Amino acid sequence: MKKNKFSRVSKAGKGKMTEAQLQEQIAKYSKMSRQELIEQMHLLAGQGKASGELDNEQLDRFYSQASTMLSDKERNNLKGLVDDLKD
């Protein structure tokens, strides 16, 4: 399976997101409304799937990792979104 640019966070390294870049992305997305976030996720997921950098297994892993930090309502919302992003 091909690794994508968001698959790992590191201090440095080719093809890996640094901690500074991750913080920049968090700041960028934290300013968006819920609807803007959903639209952005659909856009990025579509691009990742088209390029072969994103598949359903990665979406499931993302859900598994992210869901542990969410409330039941947020977890259900994320599950619905991940299901929508799958083929």
PDB file of N, CA and C in Angstrom:
ATOM      1  N   MET A   1       0.846  -1.179   0.000  1.00  0.00           N
ATOM      2  CA  MET A   1       0.000   0.000   0.000  1.00  0.00           C
ATOM      3  C   MET A   1       0.888   1.238   0.000  1.00  0.00           C
ATOM      4  N   LYS A   2       0.539   2.194  -0.831  1.00  0.00           N
ATOM      5  CA  LYS A   2       1.314   3.420  -0.953  1.00  0.00           C
ATOM      6  C   LYS A   2       1.075   4.327   0.246  1.00  0.00           C
ATOM      7  N   LYS A   3       2.146   4.894   0.795  1.00  0.00           N
ATOM      8  CA  LYS A   3       2.040   5.826   1.923  1.00  0.00           C
ATOM      9  C   LYS A   3       1.702   7.209   1.388  1.00  0.00           C
ATOM     10  N   ASN A   4       0.854   7.942   2.085  1.00  0.00           N
ATOM     11  CA  ASN A   4       0.572   9.303   1.655  1.00  0.00           C
ATOM     12  C   ASN A   4       1.266  10.293   2.571  1.00  0.00           C
ATOM     13  N   LYS A   5       1.227  11.545   2.183  1.00  0.00           N
ATOM     14  CA  LYS A   5       1.967  12.568   2.915  1.00  0.00           C
ATOM     15  C   LYS A   5       1.420  12.821   4.310  1.00  0.00           C
ATOM     16  N   PHE A   6       0.230  12.333   4.615  1.00  0.00           N
ATOM     17  CA  PHE A   6      -0.346  12.529   5.934  1.00  0.00           C
ATOM     18  C   PHE A   6      -0.234  11.288   6.811  1.00  0.00           C
ATOM     19  N   SER A   7       0.458  10.275   6.340  1.00  0.00           N
ATOM     20  CA  SER A   7       0.475   9.015   7.073  1.00  0.00           C
ATOM     21  C   SER A   7       1.330   9.043   8.327  1.00  0.00           C
ATOM     22  N   ARG A   8       2.308   9.912   8.404  1.00  0.00           N
ATOM     23  CA  ARG A   8       3.174   9.961   9.578  1.00  0.00           C
ATOM     24  C   ARG A   8       3.569  11.396   9.901  1.00  0.00           C
ATOM     25  N   VAL A   9       3.774  11.630  11.175  1.00  0.00           N
ATOM     26  CA  VAL A   9       4.259  12.925  11.637  1.00  0.00           C
ATOM     27  C   VAL A   9       5.654  12.712  12.181  1.00  0.00           C
ATOM     28  N   SER A  10       6.580  13.574  11.780  1.00  0.00           N
ATOM     29  CA  SER A  10       7.950  13.434  12.268  1.00  0.00           C
ATOM     30  C   SER A  10       8.572  14.809  12.421  1.00  0.00           C
ATOM     31  N   LYS A  11       9.718  14.839  13.066  1.00  0.00           N
ATOM     32  CA  LYS A  11      10.463  16.090  13.201  1.00  0.00           C
ATOM     33  C   LYS A  11      11.027  16.519  11.857  1.00  0.00           C
ATOM     34  N   ALA A  12      11.399  15.584  11.039  1.00  0.00           N
ATOM     35  CA  ALA A  12      11.949  15.859   9.717  1.00  0.00           C
ATOM     36  C   ALA A  12      11.851  14.594   8.900  1.00  0.00           C
ATOM     37  N   GLY A  13      12.026  14.730   7.626  1.00  0.00           N
ATOM     38  CA  GLY A  13      12.033  13.546   6.780  1.00  0.00           C
ATOM     39  C   GLY A  13      11.266  13.785   5.503  1.00  0.00           C
ATOM     40  N   LYS A  14      11.804  13.265   4.434  1.00  0.00           N
ATOM     41  CA  LYS A  14      11.191  13.429   3.130  1.00  0.00           C
ATOM     42  C   LYS A  14       9.847  12.711   3.084  1.00  0.00           C
ATOM     43  N   GLY A  15       8.826  13.411   2.598  1.00  0.00           N
ATOM     44  CA  GLY A  15       7.516  12.818   2.459  1.00  0.00           C
ATOM     45  C   GLY A  15       6.738  12.686   3.752  1.00  0.00           C
ATOM     46  N   LYS A  16       7.242  13.233   4.836  1.00  0.00           N
ATOM     47  CA  LYS A  16       6.558  13.139   6.117  1.00  0.00           C
ATOM     48  C   LYS A  16       6.207  14.540   6.613  1.00  0.00           C
ATOM     49  N   MET A  17       5.101  14.626   7.294  1.00  0.00           N
ATOM     50  CA  MET A  17       4.661  15.904   7.831  1.00  0.00           C
ATOM     51  C   MET A  17       5.395  16.167   9.145  1.00  0.00           C
ATOM     52  N   THR A  18       5.977  17.344   9.248  1.00  0.00           N
ATOM     53  CA  THR A  18       6.675  17.708  10.484  1.00  0.00           C
ATOM     54  C   THR A  18       5.670  18.158  11.532  1.00  0.00           C
ATOM     55  N   GLU A  19       6.111  18.247  12.768  1.00  0.00           N
ATOM     56  CA  GLU A  19       5.225  18.731  13.826  1.00  0.00           C
ATOM     57  C   GLU A  19       4.751  20.144  13.536  1.00  0.00           C
ATOM     58  N   ALA A  20       5.625  20.973  13.009  1.00  0.00           N
ATOM     59  CA  ALA A  20       5.251  22.357  12.676  1.00  0.00           C
ATOM     60  C   ALA A  20       4.174  22.372  11.592  1.00  0.00           C
ATOM     61  N   GLN A  21       4.323  21.514  10.596  1.00  0.00           N
ATOM     62  CA  GLN A  21       3.326  21.445   9.529  1.00  0.00           C
ATOM     63  C   GLN A  21       1.990  20.944  10.075  1.00  0.00           C
ATOM     64  N   LEU A  22       2.049  19.971  10.976  1.00  0.00           N
ATOM     65  CA  LEU A  22       0.824  19.465  11.582  1.00  0.00           C
ATOM     66  C   LEU A  22       0.123  20.568  12.372  1.00  0.00           C
ATOM     67  N   GLN A  23       0.872  21.325  13.158  1.00  0.00           N
ATOM     68  CA  GLN A  23       0.294  22.428  13.920  1.00  0.00           C
ATOM     69  C   GLN A  23      -0.326  23.474  12.994  1.00  0.00           C
ATOM     70  N   GLU A  24       0.321  23.720  11.870  1.00  0.00           N
ATOM     71  CA  GLU A  24      -0.198  24.666  10.877  1.00  0.00           C
ATOM     72  C   GLU A  24      -1.535  24.170  10.326  1.00  0.00           C
ATOM     73  N   GLN A  25      -1.614  22.870  10.033  1.00  0.00           N
ATOM     74  CA  GLN A  25      -2.852  22.295   9.519  1.00  0.00           C
ATOM     75  C   GLN A  25      -3.964  22.353  10.577  1.00  0.00           C
ATOM     76  N   ILE A  26      -3.621  22.058  11.814  1.00  0.00           N
ATOM     77  CA  ILE A  26      -4.608  22.121  12.893  1.00  0.00           C
ATOM     78  C   ILE A  26      -5.157  23.540  13.018  1.00  0.00           C
ATOM     79  N   ALA A  27      -4.276  24.527  12.983  1.00  0.00           N
ATOM     80  CA  ALA A  27      -4.702  25.930  13.075  1.00  0.00           C
ATOM     81  C   ALA A  27      -5.611  26.299  11.907  1.00  0.00           C
ATOM     82  N   LYS A  28      -5.257  25.838  10.723  1.00  0.00           N
ATOM     83  CA  LYS A  28      -6.043  26.132   9.518  1.00  0.00           C
ATOM     84  C   LYS A  28      -7.451  25.553   9.635  1.00  0.00           C
ATOM     85  N   TYR A  29      -7.539  24.275  10.004  1.00  0.00           N
ATOM     86  CA  TYR A  29      -8.827  23.611  10.047  1.00  0.00           C
ATOM     87  C   TYR A  29      -9.664  24.010  11.251  1.00  0.00           C
ATOM     88  N   SER A  30      -9.041  24.442  12.329  1.00  0.00           N
ATOM     89  CA  SER A  30      -9.801  24.821  13.511  1.00  0.00           C
ATOM     90  C   SER A  30     -10.603  26.102  13.288  1.00  0.00           C
ATOM     91  N   LYS A  31     -10.260  26.854  12.271  1.00  0.00           N
ATOM     92  CA  LYS A  31     -10.975  28.090  11.970  1.00  0.00           C
ATOM     93  C   LYS A  31     -12.178  27.858  11.055  1.00  0.00           C
ATOM     94  N   MET A  32     -12.318  26.642  10.542  1.00  0.00           N
ATOM     95  CA  MET A  32     -13.393  26.337   9.605  1.00  0.00           C
ATOM     96  C   MET A  32     -14.667  25.947  10.349  1.00  0.00           C
ATOM     97  N   SER A  33     -15.786  26.202   9.698  1.00  0.00           N
ATOM     98  CA  SER A  33     -17.070  25.736  10.227  1.00  0.00           C
ATOM     99  C   SER A  33     -17.180  24.234  10.002  1.00  0.00           C
ATOM    100  N   ARG A  34     -18.147  23.614  10.651  1.00  0.00           N
ATOM    101  CA  ARG A  34     -18.356  22.172  10.481  1.00  0.00           C
ATOM    102  C   ARG A  34     -18.585  21.837   9.008  1.00  0.00           C
ATOM    103  N   GLN A  35     -19.412  22.628   8.329  1.00  0.00           N
ATOM    104  CA  GLN A  35     -19.707  22.379   6.910  1.00  0.00           C
ATOM    105  C   GLN A  35     -18.452  22.532   6.055  1.00  0.00           C
ATOM    106  N   GLU A  36     -17.639  23.543   6.338  1.00  0.00           N
ATOM    107  CA  GLU A  36     -16.392  23.726   5.594  1.00  0.00           C
ATOM    108  C   GLU A  36     -15.445  22.546   5.803  1.00  0.00           C
ATOM    109  N   LEU A  37     -15.387  22.033   7.028  1.00  0.00           N
ATOM    110  CA  LEU A  37     -14.545  20.870   7.315  1.00  0.00           C
ATOM    111  C   LEU A  37     -15.003  19.643   6.535  1.00  0.00           C
ATOM    112  N   ILE A  38     -16.311  19.411   6.507  1.00  0.00           N
ATOM    113  CA  ILE A  38     -16.852  18.267   5.775  1.00  0.00           C
ATOM    114  C   ILE A  38     -16.539  18.402   4.289  1.00  0.00           C
ATOM    115  N   GLU A  39     -16.732  19.589   3.737  1.00  0.00           N
ATOM    116  CA  GLU A  39     -16.434  19.816   2.322  1.00  0.00           C
ATOM    117  C   GLU A  39     -14.954  19.598   2.033  1.00  0.00           C
ATOM    118  N   GLN A  40     -14.091  20.080   2.921  1.00  0.00           N
ATOM    119  CA  GLN A  40     -12.651  19.912   2.745  1.00  0.00           C
ATOM    120  C   GLN A  40     -12.255  18.440   2.826  1.00  0.00           C
ATOM    121  N   MET A  41     -12.854  17.701   3.752  1.00  0.00           N
ATOM    122  CA  MET A  41     -12.554  16.270   3.867  1.00  0.00           C
ATOM    123  C   MET A  41     -12.981  15.521   2.612  1.00  0.00           C
ATOM    124  N   HIS A  42     -14.144  15.860   2.059  1.00  0.00           N
ATOM    125  CA  HIS A  42     -14.598  15.225   0.824  1.00  0.00           C
ATOM    126  C   HIS A  42     -13.640  15.546  -0.323  1.00  0.00           C
ATOM    127  N   LEU A  43     -13.208  16.782  -0.401  1.00  0.00           N
ATOM    128  CA  LEU A  43     -12.278  17.190  -1.451  1.00  0.00           C
ATOM    129  C   LEU A  43     -10.953  16.441  -1.339  1.00  0.00           C
ATOM    130  N   LEU A  44     -10.367  16.443  -0.146  1.00  0.00           N
ATOM    131  CA  LEU A  44      -9.078  15.781   0.059  1.00  0.00           C
ATOM    132  C   LEU A  44      -9.177  14.272  -0.130  1.00  0.00           C
ATOM    133  N   ALA A  45     -10.265  13.685   0.362  1.00  0.00           N
ATOM    134  CA  ALA A  45     -10.447  12.238   0.195  1.00  0.00           C
ATOM    135  C   ALA A  45     -10.604  11.889  -1.283  1.00  0.00           C
ATOM    136  N   GLY A  46     -11.344  12.689  -2.012  1.00  0.00           N
ATOM    137  CA  GLY A  46     -11.501  12.452  -3.450  1.00  0.00           C
ATOM    138  C   GLY A  46     -10.175  12.524  -4.187  1.00  0.00           C
ATOM    139  N   GLN A  47      -9.366  13.508  -3.827  1.00  0.00           N
ATOM    140  CA  GLN A  47      -8.043  13.638  -4.446  1.00  0.00           C
ATOM    141  C   GLN A  47      -7.152  12.458  -4.082  1.00  0.00           C
ATOM    142  N   GLY A  48      -7.187  12.056  -2.817  1.00  0.00           N
ATOM    143  CA  GLY A  48      -6.368  10.936  -2.367  1.00  0.00           C
ATOM    144  C   GLY A  48      -6.766   9.632  -3.013  1.00  0.00           C
ATOM    145  N   LYS A  49      -8.056   9.412  -3.175  1.00  0.00           N
ATOM    146  CA  LYS A  49      -8.524   8.189  -3.827  1.00  0.00           C
ATOM    147  C   LYS A  49      -8.169   8.194  -5.308  1.00  0.00           C
ATOM    148  N   ALA A  50      -8.326   9.339  -5.960  1.00  0.00           N
ATOM    149  CA  ALA A  50      -8.012   9.440  -7.389  1.00  0.00           C
ATOM    150  C   ALA A  50      -6.533   9.182  -7.661  1.00  0.00           C
ATOM    151  N   SER A  51      -5.680   9.616  -6.743  1.00  0.00           N
ATOM    152  CA  SER A  51      -4.238   9.440  -6.932  1.00  0.00           C
ATOM    153  C   SER A  51      -3.744   8.088  -6.406  1.00  0.00           C
ATOM    154  N   GLY A  52      -4.627   7.349  -5.740  1.00  0.00           N
ATOM    155  CA  GLY A  52      -4.234   6.060  -5.184  1.00  0.00           C
ATOM    156  C   GLY A  52      -3.552   6.158  -3.834  1.00  0.00           C
ATOM    157  N   GLU A  53      -3.550   7.337  -3.224  1.00  0.00           N
ATOM    158  CA  GLU A  53      -2.902   7.535  -1.928  1.00  0.00           C
ATOM    159  C   GLU A  53      -3.822   7.267  -0.742  1.00  0.00           C
ATOM    160  N   LEU A  54      -5.103   7.058  -0.995  1.00  0.00           N
ATOM    161  CA  LEU A  54      -6.064   6.857   0.084  1.00  0.00           C
ATOM    162  C   LEU A  54      -6.995   5.718  -0.292  1.00  0.00           C
ATOM    163  N   ASP A  55      -7.222   4.809   0.658  1.00  0.00           N
ATOM    164  CA  ASP A  55      -8.157   3.719   0.421  1.00  0.00           C
ATOM    165  C   ASP A  55      -9.047   3.536   1.651  1.00  0.00           C
ATOM    166  N   ASN A  56     -10.001   2.625   1.540  1.00  0.00           N
ATOM    167  CA  ASN A  56     -10.962   2.412   2.626  1.00  0.00           C
ATOM    168  C   ASN A  56     -10.288   1.927   3.909  1.00  0.00           C
ATOM    169  N   GLU A  57      -9.243   1.140   3.783  1.00  0.00           N
ATOM    170  CA  GLU A  57      -8.522   0.658   4.963  1.00  0.00           C
ATOM    171  C   GLU A  57      -7.917   1.826   5.744  1.00  0.00           C
ATOM    172  N   GLN A  58      -7.356   2.792   5.036  1.00  0.00           N
ATOM    173  CA  GLN A  58      -6.789   3.969   5.700  1.00  0.00           C
ATOM    174  C   GLN A  58      -7.885   4.792   6.364  1.00  0.00           C
ATOM    175  N   LEU A  59      -9.038   4.905   5.729  1.00  0.00           N
ATOM    176  CA  LEU A  59     -10.161   5.622   6.335  1.00  0.00           C
ATOM    177  C   LEU A  59     -10.610   4.929   7.621  1.00  0.00           C
ATOM    178  N   ASP A  60     -10.658   3.596   7.595  1.00  0.00           N
ATOM    179  CA  ASP A  60     -11.031   2.847   8.801  1.00  0.00           C
ATOM    180  C   ASP A  60     -10.003   3.042   9.915  1.00  0.00           C
ATOM    181  N   ARG A  61      -8.718   3.052   9.569  1.00  0.00           N
ATOM    182  CA  ARG A  61      -7.672   3.280  10.575  1.00  0.00           C
ATOM    183  C   ARG A  61      -7.790   4.678  11.160  1.00  0.00           C
ATOM    184  N   PHE A  62      -8.044   5.661  10.302  1.00  0.00           N
ATOM    185  CA  PHE A  62      -8.232   7.033  10.769  1.00  0.00           C
ATOM    186  C   PHE A  62      -9.388   7.087  11.764  1.00  0.00           C
ATOM    187  N   TYR A  63     -10.506   6.450  11.410  1.00  0.00           N
ATOM    188  CA  TYR A  63     -11.661   6.442  12.309  1.00  0.00           C
ATOM    189  C   TYR A  63     -11.299   5.789  13.648  1.00  0.00           C
ATOM    190  N   SER A  64     -10.635   4.665  13.592  1.00  0.00           N
ATOM    191  CA  SER A  64     -10.261   3.944  14.817  1.00  0.00           C
ATOM    192  C   SER A  64      -9.384   4.797  15.725  1.00  0.00           C
ATOM    193  N   GLN A  65      -8.443   5.504  15.132  1.00  0.00           N
ATOM    194  CA  GLN A  65      -7.531   6.328  15.922  1.00  0.00           C
ATOM    195  C   GLN A  65      -8.219   7.576  16.454  1.00  0.00           C
ATOM    196  N   ALA A  66      -8.975   8.247  15.603  1.00  0.00           N
ATOM    197  CA  ALA A  66      -9.597   9.511  15.991  1.00  0.00           C
ATOM    198  C   ALA A  66     -10.777   9.303  16.931  1.00  0.00           C
ATOM    199  N   SER A  67     -11.501   8.217  16.786  1.00  0.00           N
ATOM    200  CA  SER A  67     -12.734   8.023  17.553  1.00  0.00           C
ATOM    201  C   SER A  67     -12.491   7.886  19.057  1.00  0.00           C
ATOM    202  N   THR A  68     -11.302   7.469  19.439  1.00  0.00           N
ATOM    203  CA  THR A  68     -11.019   7.311  20.869  1.00  0.00           C
ATOM    204  C   THR A  68     -10.996   8.641  21.608  1.00  0.00           C
ATOM    205  N   MET A  69     -10.866   9.738  20.882  1.00  0.00           N
ATOM    206  CA  MET A  69     -10.780  11.067  21.489  1.00  0.00           C
ATOM    207  C   MET A  69     -12.102  11.829  21.432  1.00  0.00           C
ATOM    208  N   LEU A  70     -13.163  11.167  20.962  1.00  0.00           N
ATOM    209  CA  LEU A  70     -14.426  11.856  20.710  1.00  0.00           C
ATOM    210  C   LEU A  70     -15.536  11.385  21.628  1.00  0.00           C
ATOM    211  N   SER A  71     -16.534  12.239  21.756  1.00  0.00           N
ATOM    212  CA  SER A  71     -17.749  11.860  22.485  1.00  0.00           C
ATOM    213  C   SER A  71     -18.550  10.899  21.602  1.00  0.00           C
ATOM    214  N   ASP A  72     -19.593  10.293  22.170  1.00  0.00           N
ATOM    215  CA  ASP A  72     -20.425   9.377  21.390  1.00  0.00           C
ATOM    216  C   ASP A  72     -21.030  10.067  20.172  1.00  0.00           C
ATOM    217  N   LYS A  73     -21.524  11.278  20.360  1.00  0.00           N
ATOM    218  CA  LYS A  73     -22.139  12.022  19.254  1.00  0.00           C
ATOM    219  C   LYS A  73     -21.102  12.324  18.174  1.00  0.00           C
ATOM    220  N   GLU A  74     -19.923  12.786  18.579  1.00  0.00           N
ATOM    221  CA  GLU A  74     -18.863  13.091  17.615  1.00  0.00           C
ATOM    222  C   GLU A  74     -18.402  11.819  16.902  1.00  0.00           C
ATOM    223  N   ARG A  75     -18.307  10.723  17.645  1.00  0.00           N
ATOM    224  CA  ARG A  75     -17.891   9.445  17.061  1.00  0.00           C
ATOM    225  C   ARG A  75     -18.901   8.993  15.995  1.00  0.00           C
ATOM    226  N   ASN A  76     -20.187   9.132  16.291  1.00  0.00           N
ATOM    227  CA  ASN A  76     -21.220   8.768  15.318  1.00  0.00           C
ATOM    228  C   ASN A  76     -21.156   9.652  14.078  1.00  0.00           C
ATOM    229  N   ASN A  77     -20.922  10.952  14.290  1.00  0.00           N
ATOM    230  CA  ASN A  77     -20.793  11.868  13.156  1.00  0.00           C
ATOM    231  C   ASN A  77     -19.589  11.499  12.292  1.00  0.00           C
ATOM    232  N   LEU A  78     -18.473  11.192  12.938  1.00  0.00           N
ATOM    233  CA  LEU A  78     -17.272  10.825  12.198  1.00  0.00           C
ATOM    234  C   LEU A  78     -17.482   9.515  11.447  1.00  0.00           C
ATOM    235  N   LYS A  79     -18.147   8.546  12.067  1.00  0.00           N
ATOM    236  CA  LYS A  79     -18.420   7.264  11.407  1.00  0.00           C
ATOM    237  C   LYS A  79     -19.246   7.492  10.148  1.00  0.00           C
ATOM    238  N   GLY A  80     -20.260   8.347  10.245  1.00  0.00           N
ATOM    239  CA  GLY A  80     -21.079   8.669   9.073  1.00  0.00           C
ATOM    240  C   GLY A  80     -20.262   9.316   7.974  1.00  0.00           C
ATOM    241  N   LEU A  81     -19.377  10.217   8.346  1.00  0.00           N
ATOM    242  CA  LEU A  81     -18.535  10.888   7.366  1.00  0.00           C
ATOM    243  C   LEU A  81     -17.578   9.902   6.696  1.00  0.00           C
ATOM    244  N   VAL A  82     -16.934   9.067   7.499  1.00  0.00           N
ATOM    245  CA  VAL A  82     -15.998   8.072   6.946  1.00  0.00           C
ATOM    246  C   VAL A  82     -16.755   7.120   6.009  1.00  0.00           C
ATOM    247  N   ASP A  83     -17.932   6.691   6.399  1.00  0.00           N
ATOM    248  CA  ASP A  83     -18.728   5.814   5.529  1.00  0.00           C
ATOM    249  C   ASP A  83     -19.070   6.502   4.216  1.00  0.00           C
ATOM    250  N   ASP A  84     -19.361   7.799   4.276  1.00  0.00           N
ATOM    251  CA  ASP A  84     -19.665   8.569   3.053  1.00  0.00           C
ATOM    252  C   ASP A  84     -18.444   8.660   2.142  1.00  0.00           C
ATOM    253  N   LEU A  85     -17.250   8.711   2.734  1.00  0.00           N
ATOM    254  CA  LEU A  85     -16.031   8.875   1.953  1.00  0.00           C
ATOM    255  C   LEU A  85     -15.578   7.568   1.291  1.00  0.00           C
ATOM    256  N   LYS A  86     -16.082   6.453   1.772  1.00  0.00           N
ATOM    257  CA  LYS A  86     -15.708   5.162   1.184  1.00  0.00           C
ATOM    258  C   LYS A  86     -16.369   4.986  -0.170  1.00  0.00           C
ATOM    259  N   ASP A  87     -15.815   4.058  -0.942  1.00  0.00           N
ATOM    260  CA  ASP A  87     -16.359   3.775  -2.290  1.00  0.00           C
ATOM    261  C   ASP A  87     -17.824   3.467  -2.258  1.00  0.00           C
TER     262      ASP A  87
END
